[in-house]
Amino acid sequence: MITIWGRTNSVNVQKVLWCCDELVLPYERIDAGLQFGRNDEPAYLAMNPTGKIPTLVDDDFVLWESNSILRYLVLNYGESSLLYPSEPKARASIDRWLDWSLSTLQPAERPVFWALVRTPAAARDTAKLASDFDAVALLWRMLDSHLQGRFFLEGEKFTLADIVIGAYAKRWFGVEGVERPPLPNLERWYSRIATRTGFKKYVDFPLT
């Protein structure tokens, strides 16, 4: 039995749960992180010394880092799945988005998310928020250009790239109090992935 440790309002947990839905994989989830605690307890740190979420336990195998978990789930349980195809060029093209989400997108969008969702309005640094928002908007503009003429991030097939970037796109489209630039290709892609069952079940909720 697969066990996933992590709270449901974590973007990194959401993408793992979404992947499980795409693969029709049963699992048990245990709340951990922020208000639930547990991730700073010795038993959790013995599994995941970073103290972060999610952590996956599959029988006697323990894995942390959300994108590594996604790859493992497909390689171990989705041999015939198109989420992470075996052809090297196709797989590398997907991997670049998974890497980019952690190296570039998450560091840029996190300050905006925390300012607008998890910081009281009176305590916000509005000048910094405006600067941070402009920085992340540049990245979404890049995505908008990439999506010109594409159905999904890597062509006609839904992949792990769409899960990972889609989970962050919910934050872009879900925050309030900012004026987003028109990005028609991104908006069309987002409306497409938002129809998927896993997105509706695990991602499409008010941001908290």
Foldseek 3Di string as FASTA:
>chain_A
DKEKEEDLLDLLVLLLLLLCVVLVHDYHYHYDDDPRHPLPDPVNCVLPVVSDDIWMDDPPDIDDDSVVSSVVCCVPRPQPDPQQDPDVVSNVLLVVLVVCCVPPQCVLCVVLLCQQPVNPVVPHDVVVNVVSVVRNLVVVLVQLVCLVVALENRHDDHYSSCSSVLLVVCSVVQGDDDDHDDRPSSVNNNVVVCVDPSCVVRRPDRRD
